[in-house]
C-alpha atoms as a PDB file:
ATOM      1  CA  MET A   1       0.029   0.095  -0.071  1.00  0.00           C
ATOM      2  CA  ASP A   2       1.394   3.505  -0.850  1.00  0.00           C
ATOM      3  CA  PHE A   3       1.328   6.338   1.845  1.00  0.00           C
ATOM      4  CA  GLY A   4       1.196   9.805   0.612  1.00  0.00           C
ATOM      5  CA  TRP A   5       3.158  12.806   2.446  1.00  0.00           C
ATOM      6  CA  LEU A   6       0.039  13.738   4.626  1.00  0.00           C
ATOM      7  CA  GLU A   7      -0.367  10.285   6.217  1.00  0.00           C
ATOM      8  CA  ILE A   8       3.665  10.068   6.813  1.00  0.00           C
ATOM      9  CA  THR A   9       3.576  13.451   8.474  1.00  0.00           C
ATOM     10  CA  VAL A  10       0.354  12.529  10.740  1.00  0.00           C
ATOM     11  CA  ALA A  11       1.942   9.173  11.576  1.00  0.00           C
ATOM     12  CA  SER A  12       5.290  10.850  12.465  1.00  0.00           C
ATOM     13  CA  LEU A  13       3.698  13.462  14.622  1.00  0.00           C
ATOM     14  CA  VAL A  14       1.332  10.944  16.414  1.00  0.00           C
ATOM     15  CA  LEU A  15       4.263   8.694  17.046  1.00  0.00           C
ATOM     16  CA  THR A  16       6.321  11.598  18.614  1.00  0.00           C
ATOM     17  CA  ALA A  17       3.315  12.509  20.728  1.00  0.00           C
ATOM     18  CA  VAL A  18       2.646   9.009  21.931  1.00  0.00           C
ATOM     19  CA  ILE A  19       6.384   8.110  22.912  1.00  0.00           C
ATOM     20  CA  GLY A  20       6.967  11.785  24.104  1.00  0.00           C
ATOM     21  CA  ALA A  21       3.916  11.413  26.529  1.00  0.00           C
ATOM     22  CA  ILE A  22       5.033   8.117  27.839  1.00  0.00           C
ATOM     23  CA  TRP A  23       8.493   9.249  28.417  1.00  0.00           C
ATOM     24  CA  THR A  24       7.398  12.492  30.229  1.00  0.00           C
ATOM     25  CA  ARG A  25       4.763  10.930  32.194  1.00  0.00           C
ATOM     26  CA  GLY A  26       4.211  12.746  35.604  1.00  0.00           C
ATOM     27  CA  ARG A  27       6.269  15.720  34.647  1.00  0.00           C
ATOM     28  CA  ASN A  28       5.089  19.477  34.276  1.00  0.00           C
ATOM     29  CA  TRP A  29       4.972  20.848  31.094  1.00  0.00           C
ATOM     30  CA  LEU A  30       6.745  23.843  32.129  1.00  0.00           C
ATOM     31  CA  ASP A  31       9.732  21.528  32.997  1.00  0.00           C
ATOM     32  CA  PRO A  32      12.877  21.955  30.730  1.00  0.00           C
ATOM     33  CA  VAL A  33      13.228  18.547  31.057  1.00  0.00           C
ATOM     34  CA  PHE A  34       9.696  17.677  29.691  1.00  0.00           C
ATOM     35  CA  TRP A  35      10.706  19.505  26.369  1.00  0.00           C
ATOM     36  CA  LYS A  36      14.236  18.177  26.137  1.00  0.00           C
ATOM     37  CA  ARG A  37      12.737  14.746  26.146  1.00  0.00           C
ATOM     38  CA  PHE A  38      10.071  15.639  23.321  1.00  0.00           C
ATOM     39  CA  ALA A  39      12.868  17.136  21.483  1.00  0.00           C
ATOM     40  CA  ILE A  40      14.901  13.955  21.528  1.00  0.00           C
ATOM     41  CA  VAL A  41      11.887  11.775  20.601  1.00  0.00           C
ATOM     42  CA  GLY A  42      10.773  14.120  17.824  1.00  0.00           C
ATOM     43  CA  SER A  43      14.367  13.977  16.410  1.00  0.00           C
ATOM     44  CA  LEU A  44      14.739  10.421  16.621  1.00  0.00           C
ATOM     45  CA  VAL A  45      11.282   9.639  15.100  1.00  0.00           C
ATOM     46  CA  MET A  46      11.943  12.066  12.064  1.00  0.00           C
ATOM     47  CA  PHE A  47      15.273  10.588  11.763  1.00  0.00           C
ATOM     48  CA  ILE A  48      13.801   7.069  11.427  1.00  0.00           C
ATOM     49  CA  PHE A  49      11.102   8.262   8.743  1.00  0.00           C
ATOM     50  CA  LEU A  50      13.736  10.107   6.760  1.00  0.00           C
ATOM     51  CA  TRP A  51      15.723   6.712   6.442  1.00  0.00           C
ATOM     52  CA  ILE A  52      12.584   5.081   5.595  1.00  0.00           C
ATOM     53  CA  LEU A  53      11.521   7.673   3.026  1.00  0.00           C
ATOM     54  CA  THR A  54      15.135   7.741   1.619  1.00  0.00           C
ATOM     55  CA  PHE A  55      15.282   3.975   0.971  1.00  0.00           C
ATOM     56  CA  ASP A  56      11.751   3.883  -0.562  1.00  0.00           C
ATOM     57  CA  THR A  57      12.754   6.737  -3.082  1.00  0.00           C
ATOM     58  CA  LEU A  58      15.950   4.877  -3.943  1.00  0.00           C
ATOM     59  CA  ALA A  59      13.857   1.835  -4.783  1.00  0.00           C
ATOM     60  CA  LYS A  60      11.110   3.715  -6.707  1.00  0.00           C
ATOM     61  CA  THR A  61      13.575   5.643  -8.801  1.00  0.00           C
ATOM     62  CA  ARG A  62      15.886   3.020  -9.986  1.00  0.00           C
ATOM     63  CA  ILE A  63      16.454   2.602 -13.580  1.00  0.00           C
ATOM     64  CA  GLY A  64      13.955  -0.037 -14.925  1.00  0.00           C
ATOM     65  CA  THR A  65      11.188   0.820 -12.494  1.00  0.00           C
ATOM     66  CA  ASP A  66       7.834   2.687 -13.473  1.00  0.00           C
ATOM     67  CA  ARG A  67       9.083   6.131 -12.810  1.00  0.00           C
ATOM     68  CA  VAL A  68      12.371   5.317 -14.570  1.00  0.00           C
ATOM     69  CA  PRO A  69      12.240   3.350 -17.469  1.00  0.00           C
ATOM     70  CA  SER A  70      15.302   1.648 -19.126  1.00  0.00           C
ATOM     71  CA  PRO A  71      17.546   3.989 -21.026  1.00  0.00           C
ATOM     72  CA  THR A  72      16.323   1.923 -24.362  1.00  0.00           C
ATOM     73  CA  VAL A  73      13.276   3.983 -23.979  1.00  0.00           C
ATOM     74  CA  ILE A  74      14.943   6.522 -26.616  1.00  0.00           C
ATOM     75  CA  ASN A  75      14.340   3.805 -29.194  1.00  0.00           C
ATOM     76  CA  TYR A  76      10.516   4.157 -28.979  1.00  0.00           C
ATOM     77  CA  LYS A  77       8.005   6.467 -29.681  1.00  0.00           C
ATOM     78  CA  ILE A  78       6.822   8.586 -26.680  1.00  0.00           C
ATOM     79  CA  THR A  79       3.607  10.531 -26.270  1.00  0.00           C
ATOM     80  CA  TYR A  80       1.780  12.141 -23.458  1.00  0.00           C
ATOM     81  CA  LYS A  81      -1.679  11.224 -22.138  1.00  0.00           C
ATOM     82  CA  TYR A  82      -3.956  12.795 -19.609  1.00  0.00           C
ATOM     83  CA  ASP A  83      -4.102  10.817 -16.535  1.00  0.00           C
ATOM     84  CA  ALA A  84      -7.609  11.571 -14.777  1.00  0.00           C
ATOM     85  CA  ASP A  85      -6.317   9.849 -11.704  1.00  0.00           C
ATOM     86  CA  LYS A  86      -3.219  12.024 -11.266  1.00  0.00           C
ATOM     87  CA  GLY A  87      -4.706  14.870 -12.912  1.00  0.00           C
ATOM     88  CA  TYR A  88      -1.966  15.659 -15.245  1.00  0.00           C
ATOM     89  CA  TYR A  89      -0.378  14.269 -18.414  1.00  0.00           C
ATOM     90  CA  MET A  90       1.775  11.116 -18.239  1.00  0.00           C
ATOM     91  CA  PRO A  91       4.385  10.168 -20.577  1.00  0.00           C
ATOM     92  CA  VAL A  92       3.215   7.026 -22.618  1.00  0.00           C
ATOM     93  CA  ILE A  93       6.099   4.599 -24.097  1.00  0.00           C
ATOM     94  CA  HIS A  94       4.959   2.999 -27.257  1.00  0.00           C
ATOM     95  CA  LYS A  95       6.759  -0.410 -26.697  1.00  0.00           C
ATOM     96  CA  ASP A  96       5.081  -1.590 -30.221  1.00  0.00           C
ATOM     97  CA  GLU A  97       6.507   1.287 -32.270  1.00  0.00           C
ATOM     98  CA  LYS A  98      10.088   2.035 -32.710  1.00  0.00           C
ATOM     99  CA  GLU A  99      11.574   5.461 -33.412  1.00  0.00           C
ATOM    100  CA  PRO A 100      15.107   5.272 -33.006  1.00  0.00           C
ATOM    101  CA  LEU A 101      17.298   8.474 -32.525  1.00  0.00           C
ATOM    102  CA  PHE A 102      19.435   9.512 -35.766  1.00  0.00           C
ATOM    103  CA  GLY A 103      18.270   6.247 -37.527  1.00  0.00           C
ATOM    104  CA  LYS A 104      20.136   3.974 -35.278  1.00  0.00           C
ATOM    105  CA  GLU A 105      18.788   1.607 -32.419  1.00  0.00           C
ATOM    106  CA  TYR A 106      20.820   1.749 -29.095  1.00  0.00           C
ATOM    107  CA  THR A 107      21.711  -1.010 -26.562  1.00  0.00           C
ATOM    108  CA  GLU A 108      21.222  -0.296 -22.940  1.00  0.00           C
ATOM    109  CA  GLU A 109      24.843   0.708 -22.422  1.00  0.00           C
ATOM    110  CA  GLU A 110      25.011   2.803 -25.597  1.00  0.00           C
ATOM    111  CA  ALA A 111      21.842   4.622 -24.608  1.00  0.00           C
ATOM    112  CA  MET A 112      22.921   5.274 -21.047  1.00  0.00           C
ATOM    113  CA  LYS A 113      26.411   6.725 -22.274  1.00  0.00           C
ATOM    114  CA  LEU A 114      24.550   8.877 -24.473  1.00  0.00           C
ATOM    115  CA  LEU A 115      21.934  10.119 -21.996  1.00  0.00           C
ATOM    116  CA  VAL A 116      24.884  10.905 -19.501  1.00  0.00           C
ATOM    117  CA  LYS A 117      26.792  12.909 -21.928  1.00  0.00           C
ATOM    118  CA  GLY A 118      23.790  15.056 -22.825  1.00  0.00           C
ATOM    119  CA  LYS A 119      23.188  15.514 -18.989  1.00  0.00           C
ATOM    120  CA  LEU A 120      26.440  16.698 -18.708  1.00  0.00           C
ATOM    121  CA  VAL A 121      26.497  19.025 -21.702  1.00  0.00           C
ATOM    122  CA  ILE A 122      23.211  20.596 -20.388  1.00  0.00           C
ATOM    123  CA  GLN A 123      24.747  21.131 -17.047  1.00  0.00           C
ATOM    124  CA  SER A 124      28.201  22.528 -18.193  1.00  0.00           C
ATOM    125  CA  ARG A 125      26.159  25.087 -20.491  1.00  0.00           C
ATOM    126  CA  ALA A 126      24.082  26.125 -17.564  1.00  0.00           C
ATOM    127  CA  CYS A 127      20.800  25.642 -19.797  1.00  0.00           C
ATOM    128  CA  MET A 128      18.556  25.730 -17.012  1.00  0.00           C
ATOM    129  CA  ASP A 129      19.493  29.488 -16.270  1.00  0.00           C
ATOM    130  CA  CYS A 130      16.982  30.241 -19.243  1.00  0.00           C
ATOM    131  CA  HIS A 131      14.976  26.750 -19.579  1.00  0.00           C
ATOM    132  CA  THR A 132      12.880  24.606 -17.268  1.00  0.00           C
ATOM    133  CA  LEU A 133      13.264  20.833 -17.190  1.00  0.00           C
ATOM    134  CA  LEU A 134      11.051  18.604 -15.059  1.00  0.00           C
ATOM    135  CA  GLY A 135       9.965  21.718 -13.285  1.00  0.00           C
ATOM    136  CA  ASN A 136      13.074  23.086 -12.211  1.00  0.00           C
ATOM    137  CA  GLY A 137      15.069  26.092 -13.816  1.00  0.00           C
ATOM    138  CA  ALA A 138      13.924  29.338 -15.152  1.00  0.00           C
ATOM    139  CA  TYR A 139      11.051  30.489 -17.497  1.00  0.00           C
ATOM    140  CA  TYR A 140      12.757  33.073 -19.656  1.00  0.00           C
ATOM    141  CA  ALA A 141      12.948  30.403 -22.597  1.00  0.00           C
ATOM    142  CA  PRO A 142      10.827  27.394 -23.435  1.00  0.00           C
ATOM    143  CA  ASP A 143      10.026  24.433 -21.135  1.00  0.00           C
ATOM    144  CA  LEU A 144      12.554  21.608 -22.375  1.00  0.00           C
ATOM    145  CA  THR A 145      10.529  18.725 -20.519  1.00  0.00           C
ATOM    146  CA  LYS A 146       8.094  18.147 -23.500  1.00  0.00           C
ATOM    147  CA  ALA A 147      10.072  20.016 -26.205  1.00  0.00           C
ATOM    148  CA  TRP A 148      10.421  16.737 -28.106  1.00  0.00           C
ATOM    149  CA  LEU A 149       6.652  16.846 -28.774  1.00  0.00           C
ATOM    150  CA  ASP A 150       6.177  20.424 -29.951  1.00  0.00           C
ATOM    151  CA  PRO A 151       4.608  20.291 -33.475  1.00  0.00           C
ATOM    152  CA  LYS A 152       6.768  23.080 -34.448  1.00  0.00           C
ATOM    153  CA  TRP A 153       9.643  20.751 -35.375  1.00  0.00           C
ATOM    154  CA  GLU A 154       7.388  19.010 -37.852  1.00  0.00           C
ATOM    155  CA  LYS A 155       5.487  21.853 -39.264  1.00  0.00           C
ATOM    156  CA  ILE A 156       8.440  24.677 -39.300  1.00  0.00           C
ATOM    157  CA  MET A 157      11.724  23.423 -38.377  1.00  0.00           C
ATOM    158  CA  ILE A 158      12.153  20.464 -40.753  1.00  0.00           C
ATOM    159  CA  PRO A 159      11.143  22.389 -43.827  1.00  0.00           C
ATOM    160  CA  ALA A 160      13.259  25.312 -42.757  1.00  0.00           C
ATOM    161  CA  THR A 161      16.333  23.531 -41.856  1.00  0.00           C
ATOM    162  CA  GLN A 162      15.821  21.191 -45.011  1.00  0.00           C
ATOM    163  CA  SER A 163      16.212  17.900 -42.676  1.00  0.00           C
ATOM    164  CA  ARG A 164      14.900  14.486 -42.976  1.00  0.00           C
ATOM    165  CA  THR A 165      13.870  13.973 -39.249  1.00  0.00           C
ATOM    166  CA  LYS A 166      12.987  15.814 -36.204  1.00  0.00           C
ATOM    167  CA  GLU A 167      16.063  15.133 -34.271  1.00  0.00           C
ATOM    168  CA  GLU A 168      18.365  16.007 -37.255  1.00  0.00           C
ATOM    169  CA  ALA A 169      16.206  19.521 -37.349  1.00  0.00           C
ATOM    170  CA  MET A 170      16.796  20.082 -33.671  1.00  0.00           C
ATOM    171  CA  VAL A 171      20.444  19.361 -33.888  1.00  0.00           C
ATOM    172  CA  LYS A 172      20.564  21.991 -36.926  1.00  0.00           C
ATOM    173  CA  PHE A 173      18.590  24.568 -35.212  1.00  0.00           C
ATOM    174  CA  LEU A 174      20.888  24.465 -32.086  1.00  0.00           C
ATOM    175  CA  MET A 175      24.005  24.519 -34.008  1.00  0.00           C
ATOM    176  CA  HIS A 176      22.819  27.604 -36.075  1.00  0.00           C
ATOM    177  CA  PRO A 177      20.148  29.411 -33.790  1.00  0.00           C
ATOM    178  CA  ASP A 178      20.997  32.951 -35.553  1.00  0.00           C
ATOM    179  CA  LYS A 179      20.069  31.342 -38.994  1.00  0.00           C
ATOM    180  CA  TYR A 180      16.783  29.886 -37.620  1.00  0.00           C
ATOM    181  CA  ALA A 181      15.499  32.177 -35.392  1.00  0.00           C
ATOM    182  CA  THR A 182      11.952  31.567 -34.469  1.00  0.00           C
ATOM    183  CA  TRP A 183      11.599  33.759 -31.374  1.00  0.00           C
ATOM    184  CA  THR A 184      12.462  37.356 -30.084  1.00  0.00           C
ATOM    185  CA  ARG A 185      14.348  35.711 -27.316  1.00  0.00           C
ATOM    186  CA  ARG A 186      17.051  33.868 -29.162  1.00  0.00           C
ATOM    187  CA  ILE A 187      19.261  31.107 -27.745  1.00  0.00           C
ATOM    188  CA  PRO A 188      22.743  32.008 -28.034  1.00  0.00           C
ATOM    189  CA  ASN A 189      25.326  29.996 -30.201  1.00  0.00           C
ATOM    190  CA  LEU A 190      26.975  27.930 -27.771  1.00  0.00           C
ATOM    191  CA  GLY A 191      29.690  26.710 -30.157  1.00  0.00           C
ATOM    192  CA  ILE A 192      29.670  22.966 -29.281  1.00  0.00           C
ATOM    193  CA  THR A 193      30.101  19.988 -31.748  1.00  0.00           C
ATOM    194  CA  GLU A 194      27.467  18.344 -33.517  1.00  0.00           C
ATOM    195  CA  SER A 195      27.871  15.039 -31.360  1.00  0.00           C
ATOM    196  CA  LYS A 196      27.352  17.001 -28.166  1.00  0.00           C
ATOM    197  CA  TYR A 197      24.211  18.313 -29.597  1.00  0.00           C
ATOM    198  CA  GLN A 198      23.007  14.825 -30.495  1.00  0.00           C
ATOM    199  CA  ASN A 199      23.764  13.876 -26.676  1.00  0.00           C
ATOM    200  CA  ILE A 200      21.806  16.832 -25.580  1.00  0.00           C
ATOM    201  CA  LYS A 201      18.772  15.788 -28.085  1.00  0.00           C
ATOM    202  CA  ALA A 202      19.152  12.306 -26.502  1.00  0.00           C
ATOM    203  CA  PHE A 203      18.799  13.448 -23.147  1.00  0.00           C
END
């Protein structure tokens, strides 16, 4: 059974109150020892819950789980679908429809290397000083979380860059943003290699 943050918070407070009340039984609430014991109990209970939540989070965010699919996910078509239970759009991986990047299907090891390199390039160029990614970053430039699904790539950028695929159009756009400017706020030319832009695209 999954527990939400509210249930865990209430449980930790109740446990602190019960253990604290037992340990301080018979003492006046104005007595400094009363509050000292409650502070000790509260700290220990919160520490225990923090450890439990840490290991629970690590288990849920391992590669290969529902939340973090295998890196080979980049070989398949990905769309978003509204989830009525959660109240927001969720990514959908179409395992029956392949959509390999740059015309190549990657093994798990190759895909992992590609994604790690892309992440490092994004961090080294401070992309999130302007962009948002997974809810983090700035709001000056477009959100990158679902940039792959923007219909602009097929309708505008593939013809403009004379590319065959969406990923090829993205790389050409990033390599020459001044040539294919589409917004008033223009991305600067970061002057990095085509292979690094491919890494960014994969990530």
